[in-house]
């Protein structure tokens, strides 16, 4: 079998890194009874403000049915509300509640603590470089 190209190896390493970080993050969020997908929605709503559900789906590059389940979960927990959009009977605006903001703050502390553990081997300069490279990778138009 031929050796992996640099690009193929990077893809593999990104996949392995994602798995490691996802498992660690899921474990960190267990005390809050939420998952990474929930935290991602809460973070996005905090950063962007209320969004229609289809925009939230696009923002997180999610599947429509998966987003419906996630927002249903968050609404049942009291972390978000869904309100009809005037003039569009199918659209709903998703808004973070005060309880959702509290849960996000608690999750943020747990995420920060887990980040310290996950990235302890890296210098601040390396972390900044990694962040910038990953942002460039993620933000590139597909």
N, C-alpha and C. Protein backbone atom coordinates (compact mmCIF):
# COMPACT_ATOMS: atom_id res chain seq x y z
N UNK A 1 0.85 -1.19 0.00
CA UNK A 1 0.00 0.00 0.00
C UNK A 1 0.89 1.24 0.00
N UNK A 2 0.59 2.22 -0.86
CA UNK A 2 1.41 3.43 -0.89
C UNK A 2 1.20 4.27 0.37
N UNK A 3 2.20 5.03 0.71
CA UNK A 3 2.11 5.93 1.87
C UNK A 3 1.05 6.98 1.61
N UNK A 4 0.40 7.44 2.67
CA UNK A 4 -0.60 8.49 2.54
C UNK A 4 0.07 9.80 2.14
N UNK A 5 -0.61 10.53 1.29
CA UNK A 5 -0.12 11.87 0.95
C UNK A 5 -0.29 12.76 2.18
N UNK A 6 0.37 13.87 2.18
CA UNK A 6 0.24 14.83 3.29
C UNK A 6 -1.21 15.22 3.49
N UNK A 7 -1.93 15.50 2.41
CA UNK A 7 -3.32 15.92 2.51
C UNK A 7 -4.21 14.80 3.06
N UNK A 8 -3.96 13.58 2.65
CA UNK A 8 -4.74 12.45 3.17
C UNK A 8 -4.44 12.26 4.66
N UNK A 9 -3.17 12.39 5.03
CA UNK A 9 -2.81 12.24 6.44
C UNK A 9 -3.46 13.35 7.28
N UNK A 10 -3.51 14.58 6.76
CA UNK A 10 -4.16 15.67 7.48
C UNK A 10 -5.64 15.38 7.69
N UNK A 11 -6.30 14.86 6.65
CA UNK A 11 -7.71 14.49 6.79
C UNK A 11 -7.91 13.47 7.88
N UNK A 12 -7.05 12.45 7.90
CA UNK A 12 -7.13 11.41 8.92
C UNK A 12 -6.89 12.00 10.31
N UNK A 13 -5.88 12.86 10.44
CA UNK A 13 -5.57 13.46 11.74
C UNK A 13 -6.70 14.38 12.21
N UNK A 14 -7.33 15.09 11.28
CA UNK A 14 -8.47 15.93 11.66
C UNK A 14 -9.61 15.07 12.19
N UNK A 15 -9.86 13.94 11.53
CA UNK A 15 -10.91 13.02 11.97
C UNK A 15 -10.60 12.48 13.36
N UNK A 16 -9.36 12.06 13.58
CA UNK A 16 -8.97 11.52 14.89
C UNK A 16 -9.04 12.62 15.97
N UNK A 17 -8.62 13.83 15.61
CA UNK A 17 -8.67 14.95 16.55
C UNK A 17 -10.11 15.28 16.93
N UNK A 18 -10.98 15.26 15.93
CA UNK A 18 -12.39 15.52 16.19
C UNK A 18 -12.96 14.49 17.17
N UNK A 19 -12.64 13.23 16.95
CA UNK A 19 -13.13 12.18 17.84
C UNK A 19 -12.64 12.37 19.26
N UNK A 20 -11.36 12.67 19.41
CA UNK A 20 -10.79 12.86 20.75
C UNK A 20 -11.44 14.05 21.46
N UNK A 21 -11.54 15.18 20.76
CA UNK A 21 -12.14 16.38 21.35
C UNK A 21 -13.62 16.16 21.65
N UNK A 22 -14.35 15.50 20.75
CA UNK A 22 -15.78 15.26 20.95
C UNK A 22 -16.03 14.41 22.18
N UNK A 23 -15.25 13.36 22.33
CA UNK A 23 -15.41 12.48 23.51
C UNK A 23 -15.12 13.25 24.80
N UNK A 24 -14.04 14.02 24.79
CA UNK A 24 -13.66 14.78 25.99
C UNK A 24 -14.72 15.82 26.33
N UNK A 25 -15.22 16.50 25.30
CA UNK A 25 -16.21 17.55 25.50
C UNK A 25 -17.53 16.94 26.00
N UNK A 26 -17.93 15.81 25.43
CA UNK A 26 -19.16 15.13 25.86
C UNK A 26 -19.05 14.74 27.33
N UNK A 27 -17.89 14.24 27.72
CA UNK A 27 -17.67 13.86 29.11
C UNK A 27 -17.74 15.10 30.02
N UNK A 28 -17.16 16.20 29.58
CA UNK A 28 -17.16 17.43 30.38
C UNK A 28 -18.57 17.97 30.56
N UNK A 29 -19.43 17.82 29.54
CA UNK A 29 -20.79 18.37 29.61
C UNK A 29 -21.79 17.47 30.33
N UNK A 30 -21.39 16.23 30.63
CA UNK A 30 -22.31 15.29 31.29
C UNK A 30 -23.00 15.85 32.53
N UNK A 31 -22.28 16.57 33.41
CA UNK A 31 -22.97 17.09 34.60
C UNK A 31 -24.11 18.05 34.29
N UNK A 32 -24.09 18.65 33.10
CA UNK A 32 -25.14 19.60 32.72
C UNK A 32 -26.28 18.92 31.96
N UNK A 33 -26.14 17.64 31.67
CA UNK A 33 -27.14 16.87 30.92
C UNK A 33 -27.43 17.47 29.54
N UNK A 34 -26.37 18.01 28.92
CA UNK A 34 -26.48 18.46 27.53
C UNK A 34 -25.33 17.85 26.74
N UNK A 35 -25.49 17.89 25.43
CA UNK A 35 -24.48 17.36 24.53
C UNK A 35 -23.81 18.49 23.76
N UNK A 36 -22.75 18.15 23.06
CA UNK A 36 -22.05 19.14 22.26
C UNK A 36 -22.95 19.83 21.25
N UNK A 37 -23.88 19.10 20.66
CA UNK A 37 -24.79 19.70 19.67
C UNK A 37 -25.67 20.76 20.32
N UNK A 38 -26.08 20.53 21.56
CA UNK A 38 -26.87 21.52 22.29
C UNK A 38 -26.02 22.76 22.58
N UNK A 39 -24.81 22.49 23.05
CA UNK A 39 -23.91 23.59 23.40
C UNK A 39 -23.62 24.45 22.17
N UNK A 40 -23.43 23.81 21.01
CA UNK A 40 -23.17 24.55 19.77
C UNK A 40 -24.31 25.49 19.41
N UNK A 41 -25.54 25.04 19.59
CA UNK A 41 -26.70 25.89 19.30
C UNK A 41 -26.75 27.05 20.29
N UNK A 42 -26.57 26.75 21.57
CA UNK A 42 -26.59 27.82 22.58
C UNK A 42 -25.51 28.86 22.31
N UNK A 43 -24.30 28.39 21.97
CA UNK A 43 -23.20 29.31 21.66
C UNK A 43 -23.51 30.18 20.46
N UNK A 44 -24.08 29.58 19.44
CA UNK A 44 -24.39 30.33 18.22
C UNK A 44 -25.46 31.38 18.49
N UNK A 45 -26.47 31.03 19.26
CA UNK A 45 -27.51 32.00 19.59
C UNK A 45 -26.97 33.12 20.46
N UNK A 46 -26.05 32.81 21.35
CA UNK A 46 -25.42 33.86 22.18
C UNK A 46 -24.63 34.82 21.30
N UNK A 47 -23.89 34.26 20.34
CA UNK A 47 -23.04 35.06 19.47
C UNK A 47 -23.83 35.86 18.44
N UNK A 48 -24.84 35.25 17.84
CA UNK A 48 -25.57 35.85 16.72
C UNK A 48 -26.90 36.46 17.10
N UNK A 49 -27.43 36.13 18.27
CA UNK A 49 -28.77 36.59 18.63
C UNK A 49 -29.81 35.65 18.06
N UNK A 50 -31.10 35.98 18.23
CA UNK A 50 -32.17 35.12 17.72
C UNK A 50 -32.01 34.87 16.22
N UNK A 51 -32.24 33.62 15.82
CA UNK A 51 -32.12 33.24 14.41
C UNK A 51 -33.31 32.38 14.01
N UNK A 52 -33.71 32.50 12.75
CA UNK A 52 -34.71 31.55 12.29
C UNK A 52 -34.04 30.18 12.21
N UNK A 53 -34.83 29.16 12.42
CA UNK A 53 -34.27 27.81 12.55
C UNK A 53 -33.48 27.39 11.32
N UNK A 54 -33.93 27.78 10.12
CA UNK A 54 -33.19 27.41 8.91
C UNK A 54 -31.83 28.10 8.87
N UNK A 55 -31.73 29.31 9.37
CA UNK A 55 -30.45 30.02 9.42
C UNK A 55 -29.52 29.37 10.44
N UNK A 56 -30.08 28.94 11.55
CA UNK A 56 -29.31 28.25 12.58
C UNK A 56 -28.75 26.94 12.01
N UNK A 57 -29.56 26.24 11.24
CA UNK A 57 -29.12 25.00 10.59
C UNK A 57 -27.95 25.28 9.66
N UNK A 58 -28.06 26.32 8.86
CA UNK A 58 -26.98 26.68 7.92
C UNK A 58 -25.74 27.14 8.67
N UNK A 59 -25.93 27.91 9.69
CA UNK A 59 -24.81 28.46 10.48
C UNK A 59 -23.96 27.33 11.07
N UNK A 60 -24.62 26.27 11.53
CA UNK A 60 -23.92 25.16 12.15
C UNK A 60 -23.63 24.02 11.19
N UNK A 61 -23.96 24.26 9.92
CA UNK A 61 -23.75 23.24 8.88
C UNK A 61 -24.33 21.90 9.32
N UNK A 62 -25.56 21.97 9.76
CA UNK A 62 -26.25 20.81 10.31
C UNK A 62 -27.28 20.28 9.32
N UNK A 63 -27.81 19.15 9.65
CA UNK A 63 -28.92 18.55 8.92
C UNK A 63 -30.22 19.11 9.50
N UNK A 64 -31.19 19.37 8.63
CA UNK A 64 -32.44 19.98 9.07
C UNK A 64 -33.14 19.16 10.15
N UNK A 65 -33.26 17.85 9.95
CA UNK A 65 -33.97 17.02 10.94
C UNK A 65 -33.18 16.93 12.25
N UNK A 66 -31.86 16.91 12.17
CA UNK A 66 -31.04 16.89 13.39
C UNK A 66 -31.21 18.19 14.16
N UNK A 67 -31.29 19.31 13.44
CA UNK A 67 -31.47 20.60 14.11
C UNK A 67 -32.84 20.67 14.77
N UNK A 68 -33.86 20.13 14.12
CA UNK A 68 -35.20 20.12 14.72
C UNK A 68 -35.15 19.37 16.05
N UNK A 69 -34.51 18.20 16.07
CA UNK A 69 -34.40 17.42 17.31
C UNK A 69 -33.63 18.19 18.39
N UNK A 70 -32.55 18.83 17.97
CA UNK A 70 -31.73 19.58 18.94
C UNK A 70 -32.50 20.74 19.52
N UNK A 71 -33.18 21.50 18.68
CA UNK A 71 -33.96 22.65 19.17
C UNK A 71 -35.14 22.16 20.00
N UNK A 72 -35.76 21.04 19.60
CA UNK A 72 -36.82 20.45 20.44
C UNK A 72 -36.30 20.15 21.84
N UNK A 73 -35.12 19.52 21.91
CA UNK A 73 -34.51 19.21 23.21
C UNK A 73 -34.31 20.48 24.03
N UNK A 74 -33.72 21.49 23.41
CA UNK A 74 -33.41 22.73 24.12
C UNK A 74 -34.68 23.46 24.56
N UNK A 75 -35.70 23.40 23.72
CA UNK A 75 -36.97 24.03 24.08
C UNK A 75 -37.61 23.29 25.26
N UNK A 76 -37.58 21.97 25.24
CA UNK A 76 -38.14 21.17 26.34
C UNK A 76 -37.40 21.43 27.65
N UNK A 77 -36.11 21.72 27.57
CA UNK A 77 -35.32 22.03 28.76
C UNK A 77 -35.51 23.48 29.23
N UNK A 78 -36.14 24.30 28.41
CA UNK A 78 -36.36 25.70 28.75
C UNK A 78 -35.19 26.60 28.41
N UNK A 79 -34.27 26.13 27.55
CA UNK A 79 -33.08 26.90 27.21
C UNK A 79 -33.28 27.81 26.00
N UNK A 80 -34.27 27.50 25.18
CA UNK A 80 -34.61 28.34 24.02
C UNK A 80 -36.12 28.39 23.89
N UNK A 81 -36.58 29.40 23.15
CA UNK A 81 -37.98 29.47 22.75
C UNK A 81 -38.02 29.53 21.23
N UNK A 82 -39.13 29.09 20.68
CA UNK A 82 -39.38 29.20 19.24
C UNK A 82 -40.65 30.02 19.06
N UNK A 83 -40.53 31.05 18.26
CA UNK A 83 -41.67 31.93 18.01
C UNK A 83 -41.92 32.01 16.51
N UNK A 84 -43.19 32.11 16.11
CA UNK A 84 -43.49 32.25 14.68
C UNK A 84 -42.91 33.56 14.12
N UNK A 85 -42.55 33.51 12.85
CA UNK A 85 -42.07 34.70 12.16
C UNK A 85 -43.27 35.34 11.46
N UNK A 86 -43.57 36.61 11.77
CA UNK A 86 -44.71 37.25 11.12
C UNK A 86 -44.56 37.20 9.59
N UNK A 87 -45.64 36.79 8.93
CA UNK A 87 -45.62 36.76 7.47
C UNK A 87 -45.08 35.47 6.88
N UNK A 88 -44.56 34.55 7.72
CA UNK A 88 -44.05 33.27 7.21
C UNK A 88 -44.49 32.18 8.17
N UNK A 89 -45.60 31.55 7.87
CA UNK A 89 -46.19 30.60 8.81
C UNK A 89 -45.34 29.36 9.05
N UNK A 90 -44.35 29.11 8.20
CA UNK A 90 -43.49 27.93 8.38
C UNK A 90 -42.23 28.23 9.20
N UNK A 91 -41.78 29.46 9.20
CA UNK A 91 -40.51 29.82 9.87
C UNK A 91 -40.73 30.08 11.36
N UNK A 92 -39.71 29.73 12.13
CA UNK A 92 -39.71 29.96 13.57
C UNK A 92 -38.38 30.60 13.97
N UNK A 93 -38.46 31.61 14.82
CA UNK A 93 -37.25 32.23 15.36
C UNK A 93 -36.89 31.54 16.67
N UNK A 94 -35.62 31.15 16.78
CA UNK A 94 -35.13 30.49 17.99
C UNK A 94 -34.38 31.53 18.81
N UNK A 95 -34.75 31.65 20.07
CA UNK A 95 -34.19 32.66 20.96
C UNK A 95 -33.69 32.00 22.24
N UNK A 96 -32.54 32.41 22.69
CA UNK A 96 -31.95 31.93 23.93
C UNK A 96 -32.72 32.51 25.12
N UNK A 97 -33.02 31.68 26.11
CA UNK A 97 -33.69 32.16 27.32
C UNK A 97 -32.63 32.48 28.38
N UNK A 98 -33.06 33.09 29.47
CA UNK A 98 -32.14 33.37 30.57
C UNK A 98 -31.55 32.07 31.12
N UNK A 99 -32.40 31.04 31.24
CA UNK A 99 -31.92 29.74 31.70
C UNK A 99 -30.90 29.16 30.72
N UNK A 100 -31.13 29.36 29.43
CA UNK A 100 -30.18 28.92 28.41
C UNK A 100 -28.84 29.63 28.54
N UNK A 101 -28.89 30.93 28.85
CA UNK A 101 -27.65 31.69 29.05
C UNK A 101 -26.88 31.17 30.27
N UNK A 102 -27.61 30.83 31.32
CA UNK A 102 -26.97 30.27 32.51
C UNK A 102 -26.30 28.93 32.19
N UNK A 103 -27.02 28.08 31.45
CA UNK A 103 -26.48 26.77 31.10
C UNK A 103 -25.28 26.93 30.18
N UNK A 104 -25.33 27.89 29.28
CA UNK A 104 -24.20 28.16 28.38
C UNK A 104 -22.99 28.62 29.19
N UNK A 105 -23.18 29.47 30.17
CA UNK A 105 -22.07 29.94 31.00
C UNK A 105 -21.44 28.77 31.75
N UNK A 106 -22.26 27.90 32.30
CA UNK A 106 -21.74 26.73 33.01
C UNK A 106 -21.00 25.80 32.04
N UNK A 107 -21.58 25.61 30.87
CA UNK A 107 -20.93 24.79 29.86
C UNK A 107 -19.63 25.40 29.37
N UNK A 108 -19.61 26.72 29.27
CA UNK A 108 -18.39 27.41 28.85
C UNK A 108 -17.26 27.19 29.82
N UNK A 109 -17.58 27.21 31.11
CA UNK A 109 -16.54 26.95 32.12
C UNK A 109 -16.01 25.52 31.98
N UNK A 110 -16.91 24.56 31.81
CA UNK A 110 -16.49 23.17 31.64
C UNK A 110 -15.67 23.00 30.36
N UNK A 111 -16.09 23.67 29.29
CA UNK A 111 -15.36 23.59 28.02
C UNK A 111 -13.97 24.20 28.16
N UNK A 112 -13.88 25.34 28.85
CA UNK A 112 -12.57 25.96 29.07
C UNK A 112 -11.65 25.05 29.86
N UNK A 113 -12.20 24.45 30.91
CA UNK A 113 -11.40 23.53 31.73
C UNK A 113 -10.92 22.34 30.90
N UNK A 114 -11.81 21.78 30.07
CA UNK A 114 -11.43 20.64 29.23
C UNK A 114 -10.41 21.08 28.18
N UNK A 115 -10.57 22.27 27.65
CA UNK A 115 -9.60 22.80 26.69
C UNK A 115 -8.21 22.90 27.28
N UNK A 116 -8.13 23.30 28.54
CA UNK A 116 -6.83 23.38 29.22
C UNK A 116 -6.17 22.00 29.25
N UNK A 117 -6.95 20.98 29.50
CA UNK A 117 -6.42 19.61 29.55
C UNK A 117 -6.02 19.14 28.16
N UNK A 118 -6.93 19.30 27.20
CA UNK A 118 -6.69 18.82 25.83
C UNK A 118 -5.47 19.46 25.17
N UNK A 119 -5.28 20.74 25.44
CA UNK A 119 -4.24 21.48 24.73
C UNK A 119 -3.06 21.88 25.61
N UNK A 120 -2.89 21.16 26.70
CA UNK A 120 -1.82 21.49 27.66
C UNK A 120 -0.43 21.40 27.04
N UNK A 121 -0.26 20.57 26.05
CA UNK A 121 1.07 20.38 25.42
C UNK A 121 1.47 21.51 24.48
N UNK A 122 0.54 22.39 24.16
CA UNK A 122 0.81 23.43 23.17
C UNK A 122 1.12 24.76 23.83
N UNK A 123 2.00 25.53 23.19
CA UNK A 123 2.27 26.89 23.66
C UNK A 123 1.13 27.79 23.20
N UNK A 124 1.06 28.96 23.77
CA UNK A 124 0.04 29.93 23.37
C UNK A 124 0.19 30.28 21.89
N UNK A 125 1.41 30.43 21.44
CA UNK A 125 1.68 30.74 20.02
C UNK A 125 1.19 29.61 19.12
N UNK A 126 1.44 28.37 19.51
CA UNK A 126 0.97 27.23 18.71
C UNK A 126 -0.55 27.16 18.67
N UNK A 127 -1.17 27.45 19.80
CA UNK A 127 -2.63 27.44 19.85
C UNK A 127 -3.23 28.51 18.94
N UNK A 128 -2.65 29.70 18.96
CA UNK A 128 -3.13 30.77 18.09
C UNK A 128 -2.97 30.39 16.62
N UNK A 129 -1.85 29.79 16.29
CA UNK A 129 -1.60 29.36 14.92
C UNK A 129 -2.60 28.26 14.50
N UNK A 130 -2.81 27.30 15.37
CA UNK A 130 -3.76 26.23 15.09
C UNK A 130 -5.16 26.79 14.90
N UNK A 131 -5.56 27.69 15.78
CA UNK A 131 -6.88 28.32 15.66
C UNK A 131 -7.03 29.04 14.33
N UNK A 132 -6.03 29.82 13.97
CA UNK A 132 -6.10 30.58 12.72
C UNK A 132 -6.15 29.66 11.50
N UNK A 133 -5.37 28.59 11.52
CA UNK A 133 -5.38 27.64 10.41
C UNK A 133 -6.73 26.93 10.30
N UNK A 134 -7.26 26.51 11.43
CA UNK A 134 -8.55 25.83 11.42
C UNK A 134 -9.68 26.77 10.99
N UNK A 135 -9.64 28.01 11.42
CA UNK A 135 -10.64 28.98 10.97
C UNK A 135 -10.59 29.14 9.45
N UNK A 136 -9.38 29.25 8.93
CA UNK A 136 -9.22 29.37 7.48
C UNK A 136 -9.75 28.14 6.77
N UNK A 137 -9.49 26.98 7.32
CA UNK A 137 -9.94 25.72 6.74
C UNK A 137 -11.47 25.66 6.75
N UNK A 138 -12.08 25.97 7.89
CA UNK A 138 -13.53 25.88 8.06
C UNK A 138 -14.25 26.96 7.25
N UNK A 139 -13.68 28.15 7.20
CA UNK A 139 -14.36 29.28 6.54
C UNK A 139 -14.22 29.26 5.02
N UNK A 140 -13.35 28.42 4.50
CA UNK A 140 -13.18 28.37 3.06
C UNK A 140 -14.49 27.97 2.40
N UNK A 141 -14.83 28.67 1.32
CA UNK A 141 -16.06 28.37 0.59
C UNK A 141 -15.95 26.99 -0.04
N UNK A 142 -17.01 26.23 0.13
CA UNK A 142 -17.01 24.86 -0.40
C UNK A 142 -17.40 24.83 -1.85
